C-alpha atoms as a PDB file:
ATOM      1  CA  MET A   1      -4.775  27.503  -1.031  1.00  0.00           C
ATOM      2  CA  GLU A   2      -8.000  26.656   0.701  1.00  0.00           C
ATOM      3  CA  PRO A   3      -7.841  24.191   3.608  1.00  0.00           C
ATOM      4  CA  SER A   4     -10.265  21.728   2.016  1.00  0.00           C
ATOM      5  CA  ILE A   5      -8.239  21.542  -1.211  1.00  0.00           C
ATOM      6  CA  ARG A   6      -5.050  21.192   0.808  1.00  0.00           C
ATOM      7  CA  GLU A   7      -6.576  18.294   2.768  1.00  0.00           C
ATOM      8  CA  PHE A   8      -7.679  16.606  -0.453  1.00  0.00           C
ATOM      9  CA  PHE A   9      -4.197  16.870  -1.994  1.00  0.00           C
ATOM     10  CA  LYS A  10      -2.621  15.677   1.248  1.00  0.00           C
ATOM     11  CA  ARG A  11      -4.781  12.544   1.172  1.00  0.00           C
ATOM     12  CA  LEU A  12      -4.028  12.030  -2.506  1.00  0.00           C
ATOM     13  CA  VAL A  13      -0.259  12.340  -2.057  1.00  0.00           C
ATOM     14  CA  THR A  14      -0.355  10.044   0.972  1.00  0.00           C
ATOM     15  CA  THR A  15      -2.308   7.443  -0.991  1.00  0.00           C
ATOM     16  CA  ILE A  16       0.014   7.479  -3.979  1.00  0.00           C
ATOM     17  CA  SER A  17       3.259   7.548  -1.977  1.00  0.00           C
ATOM     18  CA  LEU A  18       2.222   4.691   0.309  1.00  0.00           C
ATOM     19  CA  LEU A  19       1.249   2.595  -2.699  1.00  0.00           C
ATOM     20  CA  VAL A  20       4.600   3.248  -4.392  1.00  0.00           C
ATOM     21  CA  LEU A  21       6.459   2.460  -1.165  1.00  0.00           C
ATOM     22  CA  TRP A  22       4.480  -0.765  -0.651  1.00  0.00           C
ATOM     23  CA  MET A  23       5.098  -1.876  -4.214  1.00  0.00           C
ATOM     24  CA  SER A  24       8.805  -1.008  -4.083  1.00  0.00           C
ATOM     25  CA  VAL A  25       9.418  -2.900  -0.861  1.00  0.00           C
ATOM     26  CA  ASN A  26       7.535  -6.007  -1.950  1.00  0.00           C
ATOM     27  CA  ILE A  27       9.025  -6.083  -5.441  1.00  0.00           C
ATOM     28  CA  ALA A  28      12.538  -5.530  -4.125  1.00  0.00           C
ATOM     29  CA  ILE A  29      12.261  -8.269  -1.503  1.00  0.00           C
ATOM     30  CA  GLY A  30      10.472 -10.676  -3.810  1.00  0.00           C
ATOM     31  CA  ILE A  31      12.827 -10.335  -6.752  1.00  0.00           C
ATOM     32  CA  ARG A  32      16.127  -9.662  -4.996  1.00  0.00           C
ATOM     33  CA  TYR A  33      15.899 -12.593  -2.603  1.00  0.00           C
ATOM     34  CA  ASN A  34      13.909 -14.838  -5.010  1.00  0.00           C
ATOM     35  CA  TYR A  35      10.997 -15.173  -2.600  1.00  0.00           C
ATOM     36  CA  ALA A  36       8.469 -14.442  -5.350  1.00  0.00           C
ATOM     37  CA  PHE A  37       9.623 -17.301  -7.580  1.00  0.00           C
ATOM     38  CA  PHE A  38       9.084 -21.022  -7.172  1.00  0.00           C
ATOM     39  CA  GLU A  39      12.148 -22.911  -8.380  1.00  0.00           C
ATOM     40  CA  ASP A  40      11.803 -26.683  -7.852  1.00  0.00           C
ATOM     41  CA  LYS A  41       9.199 -26.692  -5.131  1.00  0.00           C
ATOM     42  CA  ILE A  42       7.488 -24.344  -2.724  1.00  0.00           C
ATOM     43  CA  HIS A  43       9.768 -23.332   0.153  1.00  0.00           C
ATOM     44  CA  TRP A  44       8.718 -21.889   3.484  1.00  0.00           C
ATOM     45  CA  SER A  45      10.249 -18.548   2.481  1.00  0.00           C
ATOM     46  CA  ASN A  46       7.877 -18.340  -0.503  1.00  0.00           C
ATOM     47  CA  ILE A  47       4.900 -18.942   1.767  1.00  0.00           C
ATOM     48  CA  VAL A  48       6.056 -16.320   4.269  1.00  0.00           C
ATOM     49  CA  PHE A  49       6.592 -13.811   1.471  1.00  0.00           C
ATOM     50  CA  TYR A  50       3.131 -14.315  -0.016  1.00  0.00           C
ATOM     51  CA  VAL A  51       1.447 -14.240   3.399  1.00  0.00           C
ATOM     52  CA  TRP A  52       3.282 -10.975   4.124  1.00  0.00           C
ATOM     53  CA  LEU A  53       2.213  -9.651   0.717  1.00  0.00           C
ATOM     54  CA  LEU A  54      -1.463 -10.365   1.369  1.00  0.00           C
ATOM     55  CA  VAL A  55      -1.463  -9.143   4.977  1.00  0.00           C
ATOM     56  CA  SER A  56       0.301  -5.911   4.067  1.00  0.00           C
ATOM     57  CA  LEU A  57      -2.052  -5.391   1.111  1.00  0.00           C
ATOM     58  CA  PHE A  58      -5.108  -5.745   3.344  1.00  0.00           C
ATOM     59  CA  ALA A  59      -3.520  -3.369   5.886  1.00  0.00           C
ATOM     60  CA  LEU A  60      -2.845  -0.840   3.132  1.00  0.00           C
ATOM     61  CA  ILE A  61      -6.426  -1.065   1.863  1.00  0.00           C
ATOM     62  CA  TRP A  62      -7.763  -0.715   5.416  1.00  0.00           C
ATOM     63  CA  PHE A  63      -5.609   2.390   5.886  1.00  0.00           C
ATOM     64  CA  TYR A  64      -6.888   3.843   2.616  1.00  0.00           C
ATOM     65  CA  VAL A  65     -10.479   3.274   3.636  1.00  0.00           C
ATOM     66  CA  SER A  66      -9.878   4.952   6.998  1.00  0.00           C
ATOM     67  CA  ILE A  67      -8.243   7.959   5.300  1.00  0.00           C
ATOM     68  CA  TRP A  68     -10.881   8.487   2.624  1.00  0.00           C
ATOM     69  CA  LYS A  69     -13.878   7.668   4.850  1.00  0.00           C
ATOM     70  CA  LYS A  70     -13.644  10.927   6.753  1.00  0.00           C
ATOM     71  CA  PRO A  71     -15.422  13.767   4.953  1.00  0.00           C
ATOM     72  CA  ILE A  72     -13.504  16.831   3.854  1.00  0.00           C
ATOM     73  CA  GLU A  73     -15.237  19.916   5.192  1.00  0.00           C
ATOM     74  CA  HIS A  74     -16.380  22.554   2.712  1.00  0.00           C
ATOM     75  CA  LEU A  75     -15.029  20.695  -0.321  1.00  0.00           C
ATOM     76  CA  ASN A  76     -18.169  21.206  -2.415  1.00  0.00           C
ATOM     77  CA  ASP A  77     -18.684  24.869  -1.508  1.00  0.00           C
END
């Protein structure tokens, strides 16, 4: 396989697997420990969970942009 195609697939697999990992961790923590749900009122644990969710989402998007920003050499040849 050509190096440019290999690099493209490596970026693609990294993108998909990090997204699945991020979703799995956040869904598991949110549902298992009931941090994603508001029962009677908002608790500090709900706030921490949602802050973590947003911060980790922005970090994931920043990582994706840094991965896909670099050009792949000889991809269009």
